[in-house]
Amino acid sequence: MKIYLFSLGAGLLVGVIYSLLQVRSPAPPLVALVGLLGILLGEQVIPVSKQLLDGTSLSAAWQKAACATHIFGLLPGHHGRAETTNPPAQGEKAS
């Protein structure tokens, strides 16, 4: 949660500096955020589509492609629960 508060604080500080300099932000905030959301969603189209063509349900395809983690990042309160791979058994090499 701290990183979100730091990010908000940095944004507020930049906003105050812009106001003192009497300049506008370089991009309309809503348009920029919608564009970023489009990019994140667009990156998921191919992996999810491949899963759907293989007969996987949309929900399962979404999970297999780890879309939520990619789009939203690691949300507060979920530290240490990120998707991890199983470590190799003793005597096996990591792939």
PDB file of N, CA and C in Angstrom:
ATOM      1  N   MET A   1       0.822  -1.186   0.000  1.00  0.00           N
ATOM      2  CA  MET A   1       0.000   0.000   0.000  1.00  0.00           C
ATOM      3  C   MET A   1       0.870   1.256   0.000  1.00  0.00           C
ATOM      4  N   LYS A   2       2.077   1.137   0.592  1.00  0.00           N
ATOM      5  CA  LYS A   2       2.958   2.295   0.654  1.00  0.00           C
ATOM      6  C   LYS A   2       3.304   2.832  -0.728  1.00  0.00           C
ATOM      7  N   ILE A   3       3.532   1.926  -1.685  1.00  0.00           N
ATOM      8  CA  ILE A   3       3.932   2.356  -3.026  1.00  0.00           C
ATOM      9  C   ILE A   3       2.831   3.179  -3.682  1.00  0.00           C
ATOM     10  N   TYR A   4       1.566   2.834  -3.406  1.00  0.00           N
ATOM     11  CA  TYR A   4       0.452   3.602  -3.967  1.00  0.00           C
ATOM     12  C   TYR A   4       0.385   4.996  -3.351  1.00  0.00           C
ATOM     13  N   LEU A   5       0.643   5.070  -2.063  1.00  0.00           N
ATOM     14  CA  LEU A   5       0.645   6.378  -1.397  1.00  0.00           C
ATOM     15  C   LEU A   5       1.809   7.240  -1.889  1.00  0.00           C
ATOM     16  N   PHE A   6       2.977   6.621  -2.077  1.00  0.00           N
ATOM     17  CA  PHE A   6       4.118   7.369  -2.624  1.00  0.00           C
ATOM     18  C   PHE A   6       3.809   7.861  -4.037  1.00  0.00           C
ATOM     19  N   SER A   7       3.189   7.013  -4.828  1.00  0.00           N
ATOM     20  CA  SER A   7       2.835   7.391  -6.194  1.00  0.00           C
ATOM     21  C   SER A   7       1.846   8.556  -6.192  1.00  0.00           C
ATOM     22  N   LEU A   8       0.835   8.481  -5.333  1.00  0.00           N
ATOM     23  CA  LEU A   8      -0.129   9.568  -5.222  1.00  0.00           C
ATOM     24  C   LEU A   8       0.554  10.848  -4.760  1.00  0.00           C
ATOM     25  N   GLY A   9       1.433  10.732  -3.770  1.00  0.00           N
ATOM     26  CA  GLY A   9       2.163  11.904  -3.271  1.00  0.00           C
ATOM     27  C   GLY A   9       3.031  12.533  -4.349  1.00  0.00           C
ATOM     28  N   ALA A  10       3.719  11.711  -5.123  1.00  0.00           N
ATOM     29  CA  ALA A  10       4.557  12.228  -6.210  1.00  0.00           C
ATOM     30  C   ALA A  10       3.696  12.934  -7.245  1.00  0.00           C
ATOM     31  N   GLY A  11       2.545  12.345  -7.564  1.00  0.00           N
ATOM     32  CA  GLY A  11       1.636  12.971  -8.520  1.00  0.00           C
ATOM     33  C   GLY A  11       1.120  14.311  -8.025  1.00  0.00           C
ATOM     34  N   LEU A  12       0.773  14.373  -6.750  1.00  0.00           N
ATOM     35  CA  LEU A  12       0.314  15.641  -6.173  1.00  0.00           C
ATOM     36  C   LEU A  12       1.416  16.689  -6.209  1.00  0.00           C
ATOM     37  N   LEU A  13       2.640  16.285  -5.882  1.00  0.00           N
ATOM     38  CA  LEU A  13       3.766  17.215  -5.911  1.00  0.00           C
ATOM     39  C   LEU A  13       3.988  17.761  -7.320  1.00  0.00           C
ATOM     40  N   VAL A  14       3.948  16.904  -8.301  1.00  0.00           N
ATOM     41  CA  VAL A  14       4.115  17.344  -9.693  1.00  0.00           C
ATOM     42  C   VAL A  14       2.969  18.281 -10.079  1.00  0.00           C
ATOM     43  N   GLY A  15       1.757  17.950  -9.641  1.00  0.00           N
ATOM     44  CA  GLY A  15       0.619  18.823  -9.928  1.00  0.00           C
ATOM     45  C   GLY A  15       0.788  20.211  -9.327  1.00  0.00           C
ATOM     46  N   VAL A  16       1.301  20.275  -8.112  1.00  0.00           N
ATOM     47  CA  VAL A  16       1.546  21.573  -7.469  1.00  0.00           C
ATOM     48  C   VAL A  16       2.612  22.351  -8.235  1.00  0.00           C
ATOM     49  N   ILE A  17       3.674  21.668  -8.647  1.00  0.00           N
ATOM     50  CA  ILE A  17       4.734  22.334  -9.422  1.00  0.00           C
ATOM     51  C   ILE A  17       4.180  22.856 -10.738  1.00  0.00           C
ATOM     52  N   TYR A  18       3.370  22.034 -11.436  1.00  0.00           N
ATOM     53  CA  TYR A  18       2.747  22.489 -12.680  1.00  0.00           C
ATOM     54  C   TYR A  18       1.894  23.729 -12.426  1.00  0.00           C
ATOM     55  N   SER A  19       1.154  23.723 -11.320  1.00  0.00           N
ATOM     56  CA  SER A  19       0.289  24.862 -11.003  1.00  0.00           C
ATOM     57  C   SER A  19       1.120  26.112 -10.737  1.00  0.00           C
ATOM     58  N   LEU A  20       2.212  25.975 -10.003  1.00  0.00           N
ATOM     59  CA  LEU A  20       3.082  27.118  -9.713  1.00  0.00           C
ATOM     60  C   LEU A  20       3.705  27.682 -10.990  1.00  0.00           C
ATOM     61  N   LEU A  21       4.025  26.798 -11.925  1.00  0.00           N
ATOM     62  CA  LEU A  21       4.610  27.227 -13.194  1.00  0.00           C
ATOM     63  C   LEU A  21       3.541  27.652 -14.202  1.00  0.00           C
ATOM     64  N   GLN A  22       2.280  27.478 -13.826  1.00  0.00           N
ATOM     65  CA  GLN A  22       1.137  27.820 -14.667  1.00  0.00           C
ATOM     66  C   GLN A  22       1.198  27.105 -16.026  1.00  0.00           C
ATOM     67  N   VAL A  23       1.469  25.799 -15.957  1.00  0.00           N
ATOM     68  CA  VAL A  23       1.443  24.971 -17.166  1.00  0.00           C
ATOM     69  C   VAL A  23       0.413  23.860 -16.966  1.00  0.00           C
ATOM     70  N   ARG A  24      -0.062  23.320 -18.057  1.00  0.00           N
ATOM     71  CA  ARG A  24      -1.010  22.211 -18.008  1.00  0.00           C
ATOM     72  C   ARG A  24      -0.237  20.900 -18.123  1.00  0.00           C
ATOM     73  N   SER A  25      -0.836  19.827 -17.644  1.00  0.00           N
ATOM     74  CA  SER A  25      -0.177  18.532 -17.764  1.00  0.00           C
ATOM     75  C   SER A  25      -0.030  18.197 -19.254  1.00  0.00           C
ATOM     76  N   PRO A  26       0.992  17.432 -19.623  1.00  0.00           N
ATOM     77  CA  PRO A  26       1.276  17.181 -21.033  1.00  0.00           C
ATOM     78  C   PRO A  26       0.214  16.356 -21.760  1.00  0.00           C
ATOM     79  N   ALA A  27      -0.636  15.655 -21.054  1.00  0.00           N
ATOM     80  CA  ALA A  27      -1.678  14.856 -21.717  1.00  0.00           C
ATOM     81  C   ALA A  27      -2.955  14.950 -20.886  1.00  0.00           C
ATOM     82  N   PRO A  28      -4.095  14.959 -21.551  1.00  0.00           N
ATOM     83  CA  PRO A  28      -5.345  14.940 -20.779  1.00  0.00           C
ATOM     84  C   PRO A  28      -5.394  13.663 -19.938  1.00  0.00           C
ATOM     85  N   PRO A  29      -5.510  13.775 -18.624  1.00  0.00           N
ATOM     86  CA  PRO A  29      -5.393  12.609 -17.752  1.00  0.00           C
ATOM     87  C   PRO A  29      -6.344  11.460 -18.095  1.00  0.00           C
ATOM     88  N   LEU A  30      -7.611  11.723 -18.330  1.00  0.00           N
ATOM     89  CA  LEU A  30      -8.540  10.643 -18.609  1.00  0.00           C
ATOM     90  C   LEU A  30      -8.204   9.950 -19.921  1.00  0.00           C
ATOM     91  N   VAL A  31      -7.881  10.720 -20.943  1.00  0.00           N
ATOM     92  CA  VAL A  31      -7.527  10.137 -22.233  1.00  0.00           C
ATOM     93  C   VAL A  31      -6.269   9.278 -22.097  1.00  0.00           C
ATOM     94  N   ALA A  32      -5.299   9.762 -21.354  1.00  0.00           N
ATOM     95  CA  ALA A  32      -4.060   9.011 -21.173  1.00  0.00           C
ATOM     96  C   ALA A  32      -4.319   7.705 -20.426  1.00  0.00           C
ATOM     97  N   LEU A  33      -5.124   7.750 -19.383  1.00  0.00           N
ATOM     98  CA  LEU A  33      -5.406   6.543 -18.614  1.00  0.00           C
ATOM     99  C   LEU A  33      -6.206   5.526 -19.417  1.00  0.00           C
ATOM    100  N   VAL A  34      -7.159   5.998 -20.198  1.00  0.00           N
ATOM    101  CA  VAL A  34      -7.934   5.085 -21.044  1.00  0.00           C
ATOM    102  C   VAL A  34      -7.019   4.443 -22.087  1.00  0.00           C
ATOM    103  N   GLY A  35      -6.098   5.219 -22.638  1.00  0.00           N
ATOM    104  CA  GLY A  35      -5.136   4.666 -23.601  1.00  0.00           C
ATOM    105  C   GLY A  35      -4.248   3.608 -22.974  1.00  0.00           C
ATOM    106  N   LEU A  36      -3.775   3.854 -21.752  1.00  0.00           N
ATOM    107  CA  LEU A  36      -2.951   2.862 -21.060  1.00  0.00           C
ATOM    108  C   LEU A  36      -3.744   1.596 -20.764  1.00  0.00           C
ATOM    109  N   LEU A  37      -4.999   1.748 -20.366  1.00  0.00           N
ATOM    110  CA  LEU A  37      -5.837   0.587 -20.130  1.00  0.00           C
ATOM    111  C   LEU A  37      -6.013  -0.214 -21.421  1.00  0.00           C
ATOM    112  N   GLY A  38      -6.196   0.483 -22.539  1.00  0.00           N
ATOM    113  CA  GLY A  38      -6.314  -0.191 -23.828  1.00  0.00           C
ATOM    114  C   GLY A  38      -5.073  -0.984 -24.179  1.00  0.00           C
ATOM    115  N   ILE A  39      -3.915  -0.424 -23.889  1.00  0.00           N
ATOM    116  CA  ILE A  39      -2.655  -1.128 -24.149  1.00  0.00           C
ATOM    117  C   ILE A  39      -2.581  -2.398 -23.312  1.00  0.00           C
ATOM    118  N   LEU A  40      -2.877  -2.284 -22.017  1.00  0.00           N
ATOM    119  CA  LEU A  40      -2.810  -3.447 -21.138  1.00  0.00           C
ATOM    120  C   LEU A  40      -3.794  -4.536 -21.555  1.00  0.00           C
ATOM    121  N   LEU A  41      -5.011  -4.132 -21.915  1.00  0.00           N
ATOM    122  CA  LEU A  41      -6.001  -5.116 -22.360  1.00  0.00           C
ATOM    123  C   LEU A  41      -5.611  -5.715 -23.707  1.00  0.00           C
ATOM    124  N   GLY A  42      -5.092  -4.887 -24.596  1.00  0.00           N
ATOM    125  CA  GLY A  42      -4.687  -5.360 -25.917  1.00  0.00           C
ATOM    126  C   GLY A  42      -3.580  -6.392 -25.855  1.00  0.00           C
ATOM    127  N   GLU A  43      -2.688  -6.258 -24.877  1.00  0.00           N
ATOM    128  CA  GLU A  43      -1.614  -7.234 -24.719  1.00  0.00           C
ATOM    129  C   GLU A  43      -2.142  -8.616 -24.344  1.00  0.00           C
ATOM    130  N   GLN A  44      -3.357  -8.669 -23.845  1.00  0.00           N
ATOM    131  CA  GLN A  44      -3.925  -9.940 -23.409  1.00  0.00           C
ATOM    132  C   GLN A  44      -4.734 -10.633 -24.503  1.00  0.00           C
ATOM    133  N   VAL A  45      -5.023  -9.940 -25.586  1.00  0.00           N
ATOM    134  CA  VAL A  45      -5.889 -10.497 -26.634  1.00  0.00           C
ATOM    135  C   VAL A  45      -5.306 -11.777 -27.230  1.00  0.00           C
ATOM    136  N   ILE A  46      -4.052 -11.763 -27.614  1.00  0.00           N
ATOM    137  CA  ILE A  46      -3.445 -12.924 -28.277  1.00  0.00           C
ATOM    138  C   ILE A  46      -3.347 -14.128 -27.331  1.00  0.00           C
ATOM    139  N   PRO A  47      -2.773 -13.977 -26.111  1.00  0.00           N
ATOM    140  CA  PRO A  47      -2.690 -15.159 -25.236  1.00  0.00           C
ATOM    141  C   PRO A  47      -4.064 -15.745 -24.888  1.00  0.00           C
ATOM    142  N   VAL A  48      -5.040 -14.894 -24.610  1.00  0.00           N
ATOM    143  CA  VAL A  48      -6.374 -15.385 -24.260  1.00  0.00           C
ATOM    144  C   VAL A  48      -7.034 -16.015 -25.487  1.00  0.00           C
ATOM    145  N   SER A  49      -6.873 -15.406 -26.644  1.00  0.00           N
ATOM    146  CA  SER A  49      -7.459 -15.962 -27.876  1.00  0.00           C
ATOM    147  C   SER A  49      -6.900 -17.342 -28.183  1.00  0.00           C
ATOM    148  N   LYS A  50      -5.603 -17.529 -27.996  1.00  0.00           N
ATOM    149  CA  LYS A  50      -4.995 -18.843 -28.227  1.00  0.00           C
ATOM    150  C   LYS A  50      -5.621 -19.884 -27.319  1.00  0.00           C
ATOM    151  N   GLN A  51      -5.831 -19.519 -26.052  1.00  0.00           N
ATOM    152  CA  GLN A  51      -6.451 -20.448 -25.105  1.00  0.00           C
ATOM    153  C   GLN A  51      -7.886 -20.754 -25.506  1.00  0.00           C
ATOM    154  N   LEU A  52      -8.621 -19.741 -25.941  1.00  0.00           N
ATOM    155  CA  LEU A  52     -10.015 -19.935 -26.351  1.00  0.00           C
ATOM    156  C   LEU A  52     -10.107 -20.849 -27.572  1.00  0.00           C
ATOM    157  N   LEU A  53      -9.178 -20.683 -28.516  1.00  0.00           N
ATOM    158  CA  LEU A  53      -9.174 -21.540 -29.704  1.00  0.00           C
ATOM    159  C   LEU A  53      -8.854 -22.990 -29.364  1.00  0.00           C
ATOM    160  N   ASP A  54      -8.138 -23.196 -28.251  1.00  0.00           N
ATOM    161  CA  ASP A  54      -7.834 -24.557 -27.800  1.00  0.00           C
ATOM    162  C   ASP A  54      -8.998 -25.162 -27.024  1.00  0.00           C
ATOM    163  N   GLY A  55     -10.093 -24.409 -26.885  1.00  0.00           N
ATOM    164  CA  GLY A  55     -11.276 -24.936 -26.217  1.00  0.00           C
ATOM    165  C   GLY A  55     -11.385 -24.609 -24.739  1.00  0.00           C
ATOM    166  N   THR A  56     -10.502 -23.756 -24.245  1.00  0.00           N
ATOM    167  CA  THR A  56     -10.534 -23.365 -22.842  1.00  0.00           C
ATOM    168  C   THR A  56     -11.631 -22.328 -22.634  1.00  0.00           C
ATOM    169  N   SER A  57     -12.268 -22.344 -21.469  1.00  0.00           N
ATOM    170  CA  SER A  57     -13.283 -21.331 -21.171  1.00  0.00           C
ATOM    171  C   SER A  57     -12.610 -19.973 -20.987  1.00  0.00           C
ATOM    172  N   LEU A  58     -13.380 -18.908 -21.125  1.00  0.00           N
ATOM    173  CA  LEU A  58     -12.827 -17.557 -20.994  1.00  0.00           C
ATOM    174  C   LEU A  58     -12.202 -17.348 -19.619  1.00  0.00           C
ATOM    175  N   SER A  59     -12.878 -17.808 -18.588  1.00  0.00           N
ATOM    176  CA  SER A  59     -12.359 -17.644 -17.232  1.00  0.00           C
ATOM    177  C   SER A  59     -11.019 -18.361 -17.058  1.00  0.00           C
ATOM    178  N   ALA A  60     -10.943 -19.593 -17.532  1.00  0.00           N
ATOM    179  CA  ALA A  60      -9.700 -20.357 -17.415  1.00  0.00           C
ATOM    180  C   ALA A  60      -8.604 -19.744 -18.279  1.00  0.00           C
ATOM    181  N   ALA A  61      -8.961 -19.272 -19.477  1.00  0.00           N
ATOM    182  CA  ALA A  61      -7.980 -18.639 -20.359  1.00  0.00           C
ATOM    183  C   ALA A  61      -7.427 -17.378 -19.709  1.00  0.00           C
ATOM    184  N   TRP A  62      -8.299 -16.612 -19.070  1.00  0.00           N
ATOM    185  CA  TRP A  62      -7.893 -15.380 -18.374  1.00  0.00           C
ATOM    186  C   TRP A  62      -6.893 -15.711 -17.267  1.00  0.00           C
ATOM    187  N   GLN A  63      -7.176 -16.764 -16.504  1.00  0.00           N
ATOM    188  CA  GLN A  63      -6.285 -17.159 -15.416  1.00  0.00           C
ATOM    189  C   GLN A  63      -4.965 -17.712 -15.934  1.00  0.00           C
ATOM    190  N   LYS A  64      -5.019 -18.550 -16.979  1.00  0.00           N
ATOM    191  CA  LYS A  64      -3.779 -19.138 -17.520  1.00  0.00           C
ATOM    192  C   LYS A  64      -2.841 -18.072 -18.075  1.00  0.00           C
ATOM    193  N   ALA A  65      -3.407 -17.020 -18.645  1.00  0.00           N
ATOM    194  CA  ALA A  65      -2.586 -15.943 -19.193  1.00  0.00           C
ATOM    195  C   ALA A  65      -2.159 -14.955 -18.119  1.00  0.00           C
ATOM    196  N   ALA A  66      -2.580 -15.148 -16.881  1.00  0.00           N
ATOM    197  CA  ALA A  66      -2.259 -14.265 -15.752  1.00  0.00           C
ATOM    198  C   ALA A  66      -2.608 -12.811 -16.072  1.00  0.00           C
ATOM    199  N   CYS A  67      -3.757 -12.618 -16.682  1.00  0.00           N
ATOM    200  CA  CYS A  67      -4.176 -11.285 -17.112  1.00  0.00           C
ATOM    201  C   CYS A  67      -4.350 -10.318 -15.951  1.00  0.00           C
ATOM    202  N   ALA A  68      -4.996 -10.768 -14.891  1.00  0.00           N
ATOM    203  CA  ALA A  68      -5.258  -9.872 -13.765  1.00  0.00           C
ATOM    204  C   ALA A  68      -3.959  -9.344 -13.169  1.00  0.00           C
ATOM    205  N   THR A  69      -2.985 -10.232 -13.004  1.00  0.00           N
ATOM    206  CA  THR A  69      -1.696  -9.811 -12.448  1.00  0.00           C
ATOM    207  C   THR A  69      -1.006  -8.832 -13.387  1.00  0.00           C
ATOM    208  N   HIS A  70      -1.087  -9.070 -14.692  1.00  0.00           N
ATOM    209  CA  HIS A  70      -0.430  -8.179 -15.647  1.00  0.00           C
ATOM    210  C   HIS A  70      -1.110  -6.809 -15.698  1.00  0.00           C
ATOM    211  N   ILE A  71      -2.434  -6.803 -15.683  1.00  0.00           N
ATOM    212  CA  ILE A  71      -3.165  -5.542 -15.816  1.00  0.00           C
ATOM    213  C   ILE A  71      -3.126  -4.735 -14.531  1.00  0.00           C
ATOM    214  N   PHE A  72      -3.349  -5.388 -13.400  1.00  0.00           N
ATOM    215  CA  PHE A  72      -3.464  -4.656 -12.142  1.00  0.00           C
ATOM    216  C   PHE A  72      -2.194  -4.673 -11.311  1.00  0.00           C
ATOM    217  N   GLY A  73      -1.233  -5.490 -11.673  1.00  0.00           N
ATOM    218  CA  GLY A  73      -0.026  -5.608 -10.872  1.00  0.00           C
ATOM    219  C   GLY A  73      -0.325  -6.382  -9.606  1.00  0.00           C
ATOM    220  N   LEU A  74       0.599  -6.380  -8.695  1.00  0.00           N
ATOM    221  CA  LEU A  74       0.420  -7.049  -7.418  1.00  0.00           C
ATOM    222  C   LEU A  74      -0.330  -6.092  -6.510  1.00  0.00           C
ATOM    223  N   LEU A  75      -1.581  -6.410  -6.208  1.00  0.00           N
ATOM    224  CA  LEU A  75      -2.416  -5.512  -5.428  1.00  0.00           C
ATOM    225  C   LEU A  75      -2.032  -5.552  -3.954  1.00  0.00           C
ATOM    226  N   PRO A  76      -2.336  -4.486  -3.224  1.00  0.00           N
ATOM    227  CA  PRO A  76      -2.002  -4.460  -1.790  1.00  0.00           C
ATOM    228  C   PRO A  76      -2.624  -5.653  -1.063  1.00  0.00           C
ATOM    229  N   GLY A  77      -1.874  -6.213  -0.125  1.00  0.00           N
ATOM    230  CA  GLY A  77      -2.368  -7.332   0.649  1.00  0.00           C
ATOM    231  C   GLY A  77      -2.108  -8.679   0.008  1.00  0.00           C
ATOM    232  N   HIS A  78      -1.531  -8.719  -1.181  1.00  0.00           N
ATOM    233  CA  HIS A  78      -1.281  -9.977  -1.871  1.00  0.00           C
ATOM    234  C   HIS A  78       0.215 -10.259  -2.001  1.00  0.00           C
ATOM    235  N   HIS A  79       1.031  -9.609  -1.203  1.00  0.00           N
ATOM    236  CA  HIS A  79       2.473  -9.828  -1.291  1.00  0.00           C
ATOM    237  C   HIS A  79       2.802 -11.247  -0.867  1.00  0.00           C
ATOM    238  N   GLY A  80       3.636 -11.882  -1.644  1.00  0.00           N
ATOM    239  CA  GLY A  80       4.045 -13.240  -1.344  1.00  0.00           C
ATOM    240  C   GLY A  80       3.094 -14.281  -1.909  1.00  0.00           C
ATOM    241  N   ARG A  81       1.971 -13.848  -2.481  1.00  0.00           N
ATOM    242  CA  ARG A  81       1.030 -14.790  -3.062  1.00  0.00           C
ATOM    243  C   ARG A  81       1.046 -14.724  -4.585  1.00  0.00           C
ATOM    244  N   ALA A  82       2.052 -14.091  -5.154  1.00  0.00           N
ATOM    245  CA  ALA A  82       2.145 -13.997  -6.617  1.00  0.00           C
ATOM    246  C   ALA A  82       2.369 -15.390  -7.187  1.00  0.00           C
ATOM    247  N   GLU A  83       1.990 -15.536  -8.454  1.00  0.00           N
ATOM    248  CA  GLU A  83       2.173 -16.829  -9.101  1.00  0.00           C
ATOM    249  C   GLU A  83       3.654 -17.160  -9.160  1.00  0.00           C
ATOM    250  N   THR A  84       3.996 -18.331  -8.682  1.00  0.00           N
ATOM    251  CA  THR A  84       5.387 -18.767  -8.715  1.00  0.00           C
ATOM    252  C   THR A  84       5.429 -20.149  -9.330  1.00  0.00           C
ATOM    253  N   THR A  85       6.580 -20.485  -9.838  1.00  0.00           N
ATOM    254  CA  THR A  85       6.748 -21.828 -10.391  1.00  0.00           C
ATOM    255  C   THR A  85       7.276 -22.724  -9.285  1.00  0.00           C
ATOM    256  N   ASN A  86       7.003 -24.003  -9.400  1.00  0.00           N
ATOM    257  CA  ASN A  86       7.493 -24.949  -8.414  1.00  0.00           C
ATOM    258  C   ASN A  86       8.990 -25.117  -8.584  1.00  0.00           C
ATOM    259  N   PRO A  87       9.727 -25.154  -7.488  1.00  0.00           N
ATOM    260  CA  PRO A  87      11.172 -25.370  -7.616  1.00  0.00           C
ATOM    261  C   PRO A  87      11.426 -26.797  -8.098  1.00  0.00           C
ATOM    262  N   PRO A  88      12.542 -27.016  -8.792  1.00  0.00           N
ATOM    263  CA  PRO A  88      12.833 -28.368  -9.293  1.00  0.00           C
ATOM    264  C   PRO A  88      13.056 -29.324  -8.130  1.00  0.00           C
ATOM    265  N   ALA A  89      12.689 -30.576  -8.344  1.00  0.00           N
ATOM    266  CA  ALA A  89      12.923 -31.607  -7.322  1.00  0.00           C
ATOM    267  C   ALA A  89      14.420 -31.801  -7.174  1.00  0.00           C
ATOM    268  N   GLN A  90      14.816 -32.379  -6.055  1.00  0.00           N
ATOM    269  CA  GLN A  90      16.238 -32.570  -5.810  1.00  0.00           C
ATOM    270  C   GLN A  90      16.840 -33.453  -6.894  1.00  0.00           C
ATOM    271  N   GLY A  91      17.939 -33.001  -7.468  1.00  0.00           N
ATOM    272  CA  GLY A  91      18.610 -33.746  -8.521  1.00  0.00           C
ATOM    273  C   GLY A  91      18.207 -33.320  -9.909  1.00  0.00           C
ATOM    274  N   GLU A  92      17.091 -32.525 -10.042  1.00  0.00           N
ATOM    275  CA  GLU A  92      16.659 -32.046 -11.362  1.00  0.00           C
ATOM    276  C   GLU A  92      17.235 -30.661 -11.607  1.00  0.00           C
ATOM    277  N   LYS A  93      17.413 -30.367 -12.883  1.00  0.00           N
ATOM    278  CA  LYS A  93      17.883 -29.040 -13.257  1.00  0.00           C
ATOM    279  C   LYS A  93      16.690 -28.141 -13.483  1.00  0.00           C
ATOM    280  N   ALA A  94      16.852 -26.867 -13.160  1.00  0.00           N
ATOM    281  CA  ALA A  94      15.796 -25.891 -13.420  1.00  0.00           C
ATOM    282  C   ALA A  94      15.730 -25.659 -14.918  1.00  0.00           C
ATOM    283  N   SER A  95      14.515 -25.508 -15.448  1.00  0.00           N
ATOM    284  CA  SER A  95      14.386 -25.287 -16.901  1.00  0.00           C
ATOM    285  C   SER A  95      14.498 -23.838 -17.247  1.00  0.00           C
TER     286      SER A  95
END
